[in-house]
Amino acid sequence: MDKLQRPGISLRAIAPNAVTAMALCTGLSGAWFAMQGRWEAAIAAIVGAGILDGMDGRIARMLKGESKFGAELDSLSDVTAFGVTPALVTYMWALQHMPRFGWSITVFFALCMALRLARFNARIDVQDQPHKSAGFNTGVPAPAGAGLALFPMIIWLETGLDIARNYYLVAPWLLFVALLMVSSIATFSWKSIRIPADMRFFALVAIAGFAAALITAPLITLAVVCVVYLALIPLSMWRYGLVKKARKSAIPAEGA
């Protein structure tokens, strides 16, 4: 006689969801730090949420614990950690001093993050996603958008320049990042990067160097990452244009 299976959720399904919940709590804590004026801690909380967000999907695939529940929880976590929290932190840091439109811009950024993730979920089961299938994201992904939103604060903390905190600069920047997130431009996807076998050792050295830089000089390192990421966007658009052109030229050859 077969043993009756107990109802419930297996540990392999709980583990990735627990990491996602940790990412949500860590990211939301950034707003709590901002209420106390602890800006560096607020940035660290959002960066920590980004690290956890990068782990949960890999843990789910490794344990074969993917689920619809996990996907929905991940989207809610991303909206909170990378949409609501950076918007609130930026508002408390600079935009609260902006007359009339400071809060509107804050809400707009959080809304764009929610719209981006809703668009992703609506297409999650659609096979024809040219950006994704070619190794590109559609628009700037959530963690990158949060990091770019905090770029003026990072500059201000590192340099002490008051102009970086001026809402005449911060407000247009936040709008720009919000539009990047909901845009249809192609951006590089880290998941598509394949490291050649003979370069893996050097890749490990580079990762270790990045980790050391992030520990010893976190603000400078984050600023450099933001600048490099922005510089790569035109390159990713150009590369995706080549991919589209190659695909179009391959269609008649297949039909012949």
C-alpha atoms as a PDB file:
ATOM      1  CA  MET A   1       0.000   0.000   0.000  1.00  0.00           C
ATOM      2  CA  ASP A   2       1.418   3.373  -0.999  1.00  0.00           C
ATOM      3  CA  LYS A   3       2.049   5.804   1.767  1.00  0.00           C
ATOM      4  CA  LEU A   4      -0.234   8.782   1.873  1.00  0.00           C
ATOM      5  CA  GLN A   5       1.533  11.966   0.952  1.00  0.00           C
ATOM      6  CA  ARG A   6       1.165  14.761   3.440  1.00  0.00           C
ATOM      7  CA  PRO A   7      -0.259  17.953   2.012  1.00  0.00           C
ATOM      8  CA  GLY A   8       2.067  20.931   2.028  1.00  0.00           C
ATOM      9  CA  ILE A   9       4.915  22.619   0.241  1.00  0.00           C
ATOM     10  CA  SER A  10       8.314  21.021  -0.116  1.00  0.00           C
ATOM     11  CA  LEU A  11      11.445  22.677   1.212  1.00  0.00           C
ATOM     12  CA  ARG A  12      12.816  23.143  -2.300  1.00  0.00           C
ATOM     13  CA  ALA A  13       9.799  25.320  -3.126  1.00  0.00           C
ATOM     14  CA  ILE A  14      10.034  27.307   0.131  1.00  0.00           C
ATOM     15  CA  ALA A  15      13.766  28.122  -0.100  1.00  0.00           C
ATOM     16  CA  PRO A  16      13.665  30.427  -3.164  1.00  0.00           C
ATOM     17  CA  ASN A  17      10.486  32.116  -1.926  1.00  0.00           C
ATOM     18  CA  ALA A  18      12.183  32.743   1.421  1.00  0.00           C
ATOM     19  CA  VAL A  19      15.074  34.454  -0.376  1.00  0.00           C
ATOM     20  CA  THR A  20      12.578  36.573  -2.329  1.00  0.00           C
ATOM     21  CA  ALA A  21      10.845  37.560   0.913  1.00  0.00           C
ATOM     22  CA  MET A  22      14.231  38.496   2.375  1.00  0.00           C
ATOM     23  CA  ALA A  23      14.893  40.690  -0.674  1.00  0.00           C
ATOM     24  CA  LEU A  24      11.568  42.454  -0.156  1.00  0.00           C
ATOM     25  CA  CYS A  25      12.250  43.094   3.538  1.00  0.00           C
ATOM     26  CA  THR A  26      15.827  44.197   2.891  1.00  0.00           C
ATOM     27  CA  GLY A  27      14.833  46.587   0.128  1.00  0.00           C
ATOM     28  CA  LEU A  28      11.945  48.074   2.096  1.00  0.00           C
ATOM     29  CA  SER A  29      14.304  48.660   5.021  1.00  0.00           C
ATOM     30  CA  GLY A  30      16.020  51.225   2.807  1.00  0.00           C
ATOM     31  CA  ALA A  31      13.033  53.530   3.352  1.00  0.00           C
ATOM     32  CA  TRP A  32      13.374  53.039   7.115  1.00  0.00           C
ATOM     33  CA  PHE A  33      17.043  54.034   6.964  1.00  0.00           C
ATOM     34  CA  ALA A  34      16.123  57.075   4.856  1.00  0.00           C
ATOM     35  CA  MET A  35      13.645  58.220   7.527  1.00  0.00           C
ATOM     36  CA  GLN A  36      16.609  58.413   9.892  1.00  0.00           C
ATOM     37  CA  GLY A  37      18.798  60.216   7.375  1.00  0.00           C
ATOM     38  CA  ARG A  38      21.106  57.198   7.040  1.00  0.00           C
ATOM     39  CA  TRP A  39      21.540  57.499   3.299  1.00  0.00           C
ATOM     40  CA  GLU A  40      24.463  55.121   2.873  1.00  0.00           C
ATOM     41  CA  ALA A  41      22.566  52.437   4.783  1.00  0.00           C
ATOM     42  CA  ALA A  42      19.543  53.035   2.553  1.00  0.00           C
ATOM     43  CA  ILE A  43      21.661  52.467  -0.551  1.00  0.00           C
ATOM     44  CA  ALA A  44      23.230  49.374   1.024  1.00  0.00           C
ATOM     45  CA  ALA A  45      19.778  47.934   1.746  1.00  0.00           C
ATOM     46  CA  ILE A  46      18.678  48.344  -1.873  1.00  0.00           C
ATOM     47  CA  VAL A  47      21.960  46.872  -3.151  1.00  0.00           C
ATOM     48  CA  GLY A  48      21.487  43.948  -0.771  1.00  0.00           C
ATOM     49  CA  ALA A  49      17.988  43.420  -2.128  1.00  0.00           C
ATOM     50  CA  GLY A  50      19.454  43.361  -5.636  1.00  0.00           C
ATOM     51  CA  ILE A  51      21.928  40.643  -4.642  1.00  0.00           C
ATOM     52  CA  LEU A  52      19.172  38.542  -3.093  1.00  0.00           C
ATOM     53  CA  ASP A  53      16.967  39.125  -6.137  1.00  0.00           C
ATOM     54  CA  GLY A  54      19.713  37.713  -8.321  1.00  0.00           C
ATOM     55  CA  MET A  55      19.943  34.631  -6.118  1.00  0.00           C
ATOM     56  CA  ASP A  56      16.317  33.552  -5.768  1.00  0.00           C
ATOM     57  CA  GLY A  57      15.780  32.581  -9.404  1.00  0.00           C
ATOM     58  CA  ARG A  58      19.003  30.594  -9.548  1.00  0.00           C
ATOM     59  CA  ILE A  59      18.134  28.809  -6.310  1.00  0.00           C
ATOM     60  CA  ALA A  60      14.676  27.974  -7.679  1.00  0.00           C
ATOM     61  CA  ARG A  61      16.153  26.524 -10.870  1.00  0.00           C
ATOM     62  CA  MET A  62      18.851  24.648  -8.984  1.00  0.00           C
ATOM     63  CA  LEU A  63      16.316  23.072  -6.611  1.00  0.00           C
ATOM     64  CA  LYS A  64      13.657  22.770  -9.340  1.00  0.00           C
ATOM     65  CA  GLY A  65      11.370  24.792  -7.122  1.00  0.00           C
ATOM     66  CA  GLU A  66       9.916  27.192  -9.710  1.00  0.00           C
ATOM     67  CA  SER A  67       6.265  28.037  -9.152  1.00  0.00           C
ATOM     68  CA  LYS A  68       3.616  30.540 -10.195  1.00  0.00           C
ATOM     69  CA  PHE A  69       3.484  31.720  -6.601  1.00  0.00           C
ATOM     70  CA  GLY A  70       7.208  32.380  -6.628  1.00  0.00           C
ATOM     71  CA  ALA A  71       6.976  34.386  -9.845  1.00  0.00           C
ATOM     72  CA  GLU A  72       4.199  36.567  -8.431  1.00  0.00           C
ATOM     73  CA  LEU A  73       6.053  37.068  -5.147  1.00  0.00           C
ATOM     74  CA  ASP A  74       9.201  38.019  -7.049  1.00  0.00           C
ATOM     75  CA  SER A  75       7.327  40.728  -8.963  1.00  0.00           C
ATOM     76  CA  LEU A  76       5.814  42.136  -5.770  1.00  0.00           C
ATOM     77  CA  SER A  77       9.252  42.127  -4.169  1.00  0.00           C
ATOM     78  CA  ASP A  78      10.760  43.946  -7.159  1.00  0.00           C
ATOM     79  CA  VAL A  79       8.070  46.634  -7.126  1.00  0.00           C
ATOM     80  CA  THR A  80       8.643  47.219  -3.420  1.00  0.00           C
ATOM     81  CA  ALA A  81      12.434  46.964  -3.246  1.00  0.00           C
ATOM     82  CA  PHE A  82      13.334  48.588  -6.575  1.00  0.00           C
ATOM     83  CA  GLY A  83      10.328  50.804  -7.272  1.00  0.00           C
ATOM     84  CA  VAL A  84       8.677  52.084  -4.105  1.00  0.00           C
ATOM     85  CA  THR A  85      11.767  52.190  -1.885  1.00  0.00           C
ATOM     86  CA  PRO A  86      14.145  54.086  -4.226  1.00  0.00           C
ATOM     87  CA  ALA A  87      11.322  56.525  -5.006  1.00  0.00           C
ATOM     88  CA  LEU A  88      10.678  57.170  -1.302  1.00  0.00           C
ATOM     89  CA  VAL A  89      14.380  57.433  -0.511  1.00  0.00           C
ATOM     90  CA  THR A  90      14.890  59.956  -3.320  1.00  0.00           C
ATOM     91  CA  TYR A  91      11.835  61.909  -2.192  1.00  0.00           C
ATOM     92  CA  MET A  92      13.027  62.156   1.411  1.00  0.00           C
ATOM     93  CA  TRP A  93      16.530  63.024   0.237  1.00  0.00           C
ATOM     94  CA  ALA A  94      15.784  65.742  -2.334  1.00  0.00           C
ATOM     95  CA  LEU A  95      12.331  65.851  -3.911  1.00  0.00           C
ATOM     96  CA  GLN A  96      10.411  66.741  -0.766  1.00  0.00           C
ATOM     97  CA  HIS A  97      11.849  70.233  -1.154  1.00  0.00           C
ATOM     98  CA  MET A  98      10.486  70.511  -4.696  1.00  0.00           C
ATOM     99  CA  PRO A  99       7.227  72.501  -4.817  1.00  0.00           C
ATOM    100  CA  ARG A 100       4.145  70.918  -6.378  1.00  0.00           C
ATOM    101  CA  PHE A 101       5.679  68.138  -8.481  1.00  0.00           C
ATOM    102  CA  GLY A 102       8.097  66.382  -6.107  1.00  0.00           C
ATOM    103  CA  TRP A 103       5.623  63.764  -4.935  1.00  0.00           C
ATOM    104  CA  SER A 104       4.120  63.360  -8.418  1.00  0.00           C
ATOM    105  CA  ILE A 105       7.520  62.422  -9.845  1.00  0.00           C
ATOM    106  CA  THR A 106       8.073  60.016  -6.953  1.00  0.00           C
ATOM    107  CA  VAL A 107       4.776  58.255  -7.660  1.00  0.00           C
ATOM    108  CA  PHE A 108       5.514  58.228 -11.397  1.00  0.00           C
ATOM    109  CA  PHE A 109       8.769  56.338 -10.864  1.00  0.00           C
ATOM    110  CA  ALA A 110       7.077  53.696  -8.683  1.00  0.00           C
ATOM    111  CA  LEU A 111       4.260  53.399 -11.242  1.00  0.00           C
ATOM    112  CA  CYS A 112       6.706  52.873 -14.112  1.00  0.00           C
ATOM    113  CA  MET A 113       8.381  50.092 -12.155  1.00  0.00           C
ATOM    114  CA  ALA A 114       5.001  48.411 -11.589  1.00  0.00           C
ATOM    115  CA  LEU A 115       4.090  48.809 -15.277  1.00  0.00           C
ATOM    116  CA  ARG A 116       7.405  47.338 -16.362  1.00  0.00           C
ATOM    117  CA  LEU A 117       6.941  44.246 -14.211  1.00  0.00           C
ATOM    118  CA  ALA A 118       3.288  43.887 -15.233  1.00  0.00           C
ATOM    119  CA  ARG A 119       4.381  43.962 -18.880  1.00  0.00           C
ATOM    120  CA  PHE A 120       6.990  41.304 -18.155  1.00  0.00           C
ATOM    121  CA  ASN A 121       4.453  39.062 -16.415  1.00  0.00           C
ATOM    122  CA  ALA A 122       1.949  39.479 -19.237  1.00  0.00           C
ATOM    123  CA  ARG A 123       4.572  38.247 -21.715  1.00  0.00           C
ATOM    124  CA  ILE A 124       6.162  35.649 -19.470  1.00  0.00           C
ATOM    125  CA  ASP A 125       4.475  32.733 -21.285  1.00  0.00           C
ATOM    126  CA  VAL A 126       4.833  34.188 -24.777  1.00  0.00           C
ATOM    127  CA  GLN A 127       7.531  32.513 -26.835  1.00  0.00           C
ATOM    128  CA  ASP A 128       7.988  35.333 -29.335  1.00  0.00           C
ATOM    129  CA  GLN A 129      10.025  37.773 -27.282  1.00  0.00           C
ATOM    130  CA  PRO A 130      12.729  38.969 -29.660  1.00  0.00           C
ATOM    131  CA  HIS A 131      14.748  40.862 -27.073  1.00  0.00           C
ATOM    132  CA  LYS A 132      14.742  37.986 -24.601  1.00  0.00           C
ATOM    133  CA  SER A 133      15.356  35.281 -27.194  1.00  0.00           C
ATOM    134  CA  ALA A 134      18.331  37.215 -28.539  1.00  0.00           C
ATOM    135  CA  GLY A 135      19.888  37.650 -25.097  1.00  0.00           C
ATOM    136  CA  PHE A 136      18.582  41.161 -24.370  1.00  0.00           C
ATOM    137  CA  ASN A 137      16.229  42.742 -21.860  1.00  0.00           C
ATOM    138  CA  THR A 138      13.378  44.981 -22.956  1.00  0.00           C
ATOM    139  CA  GLY A 139      14.132  48.271 -21.231  1.00  0.00           C
ATOM    140  CA  VAL A 140      16.225  48.708 -18.109  1.00  0.00           C
ATOM    141  CA  PRO A 141      15.566  45.889 -15.591  1.00  0.00           C
ATOM    142  CA  ALA A 142      14.281  46.611 -12.093  1.00  0.00           C
ATOM    143  CA  PRO A 143      17.525  46.350 -10.036  1.00  0.00           C
ATOM    144  CA  ALA A 144      19.447  48.425 -12.587  1.00  0.00           C
ATOM    145  CA  GLY A 145      16.679  51.028 -12.594  1.00  0.00           C
ATOM    146  CA  ALA A 146      16.858  51.310  -8.815  1.00  0.00           C
ATOM    147  CA  GLY A 147      20.628  51.729  -8.947  1.00  0.00           C
ATOM    148  CA  LEU A 148      20.435  54.415 -11.630  1.00  0.00           C
ATOM    149  CA  ALA A 149      17.749  56.262  -9.652  1.00  0.00           C
ATOM    150  CA  LEU A 150      20.152  56.517  -6.704  1.00  0.00           C
ATOM    151  CA  PHE A 151      23.087  57.663  -8.853  1.00  0.00           C
ATOM    152  CA  PRO A 152      22.797  61.384  -7.871  1.00  0.00           C
ATOM    153  CA  MET A 153      22.732  60.406  -4.194  1.00  0.00           C
ATOM    154  CA  ILE A 154      25.821  58.246  -4.643  1.00  0.00           C
ATOM    155  CA  ILE A 155      27.637  61.184  -6.264  1.00  0.00           C
ATOM    156  CA  TRP A 156      26.527  63.500  -3.450  1.00  0.00           C
ATOM    157  CA  LEU A 157      27.662  61.138  -0.716  1.00  0.00           C
ATOM    158  CA  GLU A 158      31.064  60.636  -2.344  1.00  0.00           C
ATOM    159  CA  THR A 159      31.808  64.215  -3.401  1.00  0.00           C
ATOM    160  CA  GLY A 160      29.638  66.364  -1.156  1.00  0.00           C
ATOM    161  CA  LEU A 161      28.546  68.454  -4.158  1.00  0.00           C
ATOM    162  CA  ASP A 162      25.264  70.170  -3.291  1.00  0.00           C
ATOM    163  CA  ILE A 163      24.288  70.379  -6.962  1.00  0.00           C
ATOM    164  CA  ALA A 164      23.831  66.600  -6.997  1.00  0.00           C
ATOM    165  CA  ARG A 165      21.046  67.062  -4.422  1.00  0.00           C
ATOM    166  CA  ASN A 166      19.310  69.883  -6.264  1.00  0.00           C
ATOM    167  CA  TYR A 167      15.808  68.832  -7.279  1.00  0.00           C
ATOM    168  CA  TYR A 168      16.243  70.619 -10.606  1.00  0.00           C
ATOM    169  CA  LEU A 169      18.750  67.873 -11.394  1.00  0.00           C
ATOM    170  CA  VAL A 170      17.274  64.955  -9.414  1.00  0.00           C
ATOM    171  CA  ALA A 171      13.704  65.282 -10.741  1.00  0.00           C
ATOM    172  CA  PRO A 172      14.562  65.104 -14.481  1.00  0.00           C
ATOM    173  CA  TRP A 173      17.011  62.284 -13.754  1.00  0.00           C
ATOM    174  CA  LEU A 174      14.349  60.227 -11.966  1.00  0.00           C
ATOM    175  CA  LEU A 175      11.940  60.792 -14.850  1.00  0.00           C
ATOM    176  CA  PHE A 176      14.626  59.744 -17.327  1.00  0.00           C
ATOM    177  CA  VAL A 177      15.316  56.490 -15.475  1.00  0.00           C
ATOM    178  CA  ALA A 178      11.587  55.765 -15.157  1.00  0.00           C
ATOM    179  CA  LEU A 179      11.150  56.138 -18.917  1.00  0.00           C
ATOM    180  CA  LEU A 180      14.160  53.900 -19.550  1.00  0.00           C
ATOM    181  CA  MET A 181      12.483  51.152 -17.508  1.00  0.00           C
ATOM    182  CA  VAL A 182       9.241  51.182 -19.486  1.00  0.00           C
ATOM    183  CA  SER A 183      10.911  51.762 -22.844  1.00  0.00           C
ATOM    184  CA  SER A 184      11.324  49.102 -25.526  1.00  0.00           C
ATOM    185  CA  ILE A 185      15.045  49.624 -26.028  1.00  0.00           C
ATOM    186  CA  ALA A 186      17.226  46.526 -25.901  1.00  0.00           C
ATOM    187  CA  THR A 187      19.659  46.278 -22.994  1.00  0.00           C
ATOM    188  CA  PHE A 188      22.207  43.556 -22.356  1.00  0.00           C
ATOM    189  CA  SER A 189      21.041  40.628 -20.243  1.00  0.00           C
ATOM    190  CA  TRP A 190      23.621  39.230 -17.825  1.00  0.00           C
ATOM    191  CA  LYS A 191      21.998  35.811 -18.213  1.00  0.00           C
ATOM    192  CA  SER A 192      23.110  35.699 -21.836  1.00  0.00           C
ATOM    193  CA  ILE A 193      26.798  36.209 -21.032  1.00  0.00           C
ATOM    194  CA  ARG A 194      28.872  33.114 -21.754  1.00  0.00           C
ATOM    195  CA  ILE A 195      32.448  33.079 -20.477  1.00  0.00           C
ATOM    196  CA  PRO A 196      34.917  31.064 -22.598  1.00  0.00           C
ATOM    197  CA  ALA A 197      36.575  28.175 -20.807  1.00  0.00           C
ATOM    198  CA  ASP A 198      40.042  29.715 -21.099  1.00  0.00           C
ATOM    199  CA  MET A 199      38.802  32.975 -19.533  1.00  0.00           C
ATOM    200  CA  ARG A 200      37.063  31.592 -16.460  1.00  0.00           C
ATOM    201  CA  PHE A 201      40.068  32.074 -14.172  1.00  0.00           C
ATOM    202  CA  PHE A 202      40.415  35.721 -15.218  1.00  0.00           C
ATOM    203  CA  ALA A 203      36.661  36.170 -14.766  1.00  0.00           C
ATOM    204  CA  LEU A 204      36.957  34.903 -11.184  1.00  0.00           C
ATOM    205  CA  VAL A 205      39.825  37.327 -10.573  1.00  0.00           C
ATOM    206  CA  ALA A 206      37.734  40.188 -11.963  1.00  0.00           C
ATOM    207  CA  ILE A 207      34.752  39.229  -9.785  1.00  0.00           C
ATOM    208  CA  ALA A 208      36.977  39.038  -6.710  1.00  0.00           C
ATOM    209  CA  GLY A 209      38.434  42.452  -7.568  1.00  0.00           C
ATOM    210  CA  PHE A 210      34.950  43.904  -7.947  1.00  0.00           C
ATOM    211  CA  ALA A 211      33.904  42.468  -4.585  1.00  0.00           C
ATOM    212  CA  ALA A 212      37.007  43.934  -2.939  1.00  0.00           C
ATOM    213  CA  ALA A 213      36.340  47.341  -4.520  1.00  0.00           C
ATOM    214  CA  LEU A 214      32.714  47.213  -3.403  1.00  0.00           C
ATOM    215  CA  ILE A 215      33.818  46.584   0.183  1.00  0.00           C
ATOM    216  CA  THR A 216      36.661  49.109   0.353  1.00  0.00           C
ATOM    217  CA  ALA A 217      35.183  51.889  -1.811  1.00  0.00           C
ATOM    218  CA  PRO A 218      31.477  51.102  -2.225  1.00  0.00           C
ATOM    219  CA  LEU A 219      30.258  54.504  -3.421  1.00  0.00           C
ATOM    220  CA  ILE A 220      32.943  54.934  -6.069  1.00  0.00           C
ATOM    221  CA  THR A 221      32.391  51.362  -7.245  1.00  0.00           C
ATOM    222  CA  LEU A 222      28.627  51.834  -7.524  1.00  0.00           C
ATOM    223  CA  ALA A 223      29.115  55.126  -9.374  1.00  0.00           C
ATOM    224  CA  VAL A 224      31.456  53.443 -11.869  1.00  0.00           C
ATOM    225  CA  VAL A 225      28.945  50.614 -12.366  1.00  0.00           C
ATOM    226  CA  CYS A 226      26.193  53.140 -13.128  1.00  0.00           C
ATOM    227  CA  VAL A 227      28.365  55.019 -15.629  1.00  0.00           C
ATOM    228  CA  VAL A 228      29.475  51.811 -17.366  1.00  0.00           C
ATOM    229  CA  TYR A 229      25.905  50.527 -17.545  1.00  0.00           C
ATOM    230  CA  LEU A 230      24.679  53.768 -19.111  1.00  0.00           C
ATOM    231  CA  ALA A 231      27.553  53.672 -21.605  1.00  0.00           C
ATOM    232  CA  LEU A 232      26.606  50.124 -22.607  1.00  0.00           C
ATOM    233  CA  ILE A 233      23.004  51.021 -23.500  1.00  0.00           C
ATOM    234  CA  PRO A 234      23.855  52.529 -26.932  1.00  0.00           C
ATOM    235  CA  LEU A 235      26.097  49.518 -27.602  1.00  0.00           C
ATOM    236  CA  SER A 236      23.314  47.091 -26.689  1.00  0.00           C
ATOM    237  CA  MET A 237      20.890  48.919 -28.989  1.00  0.00           C
ATOM    238  CA  TRP A 238      23.416  48.710 -31.830  1.00  0.00           C
ATOM    239  CA  ARG A 239      24.068  45.013 -31.198  1.00  0.00           C
ATOM    240  CA  TYR A 240      20.369  44.231 -31.133  1.00  0.00           C
ATOM    241  CA  GLY A 241      19.951  46.119 -34.401  1.00  0.00           C
ATOM    242  CA  LEU A 242      22.509  43.758 -35.949  1.00  0.00           C
ATOM    243  CA  VAL A 243      20.627  40.756 -34.556  1.00  0.00           C
ATOM    244  CA  LYS A 244      17.340  42.005 -36.037  1.00  0.00           C
ATOM    245  CA  LYS A 245      18.984  42.604 -39.394  1.00  0.00           C
ATOM    246  CA  ALA A 246      20.522  39.114 -39.380  1.00  0.00           C
ATOM    247  CA  ARG A 247      17.147  37.555 -38.541  1.00  0.00           C
ATOM    248  CA  LYS A 248      15.368  39.414 -41.329  1.00  0.00           C
ATOM    249  CA  SER A 249      17.988  38.368 -43.863  1.00  0.00           C
ATOM    250  CA  ALA A 250      17.701  34.737 -42.720  1.00  0.00           C
ATOM    251  CA  ILE A 251      13.923  34.519 -43.329  1.00  0.00           C
ATOM    252  CA  PRO A 252      14.049  34.456 -47.186  1.00  0.00           C
ATOM    253  CA  ALA A 253      16.899  31.944 -47.065  1.00  0.00           C
ATOM    254  CA  GLU A 254      14.782  29.597 -44.949  1.00  0.00           C
ATOM    255  CA  GLY A 255      11.804  29.933 -47.275  1.00  0.00           C
ATOM    256  CA  ALA A 256      13.840  29.282 -50.424  1.00  0.00           C
END
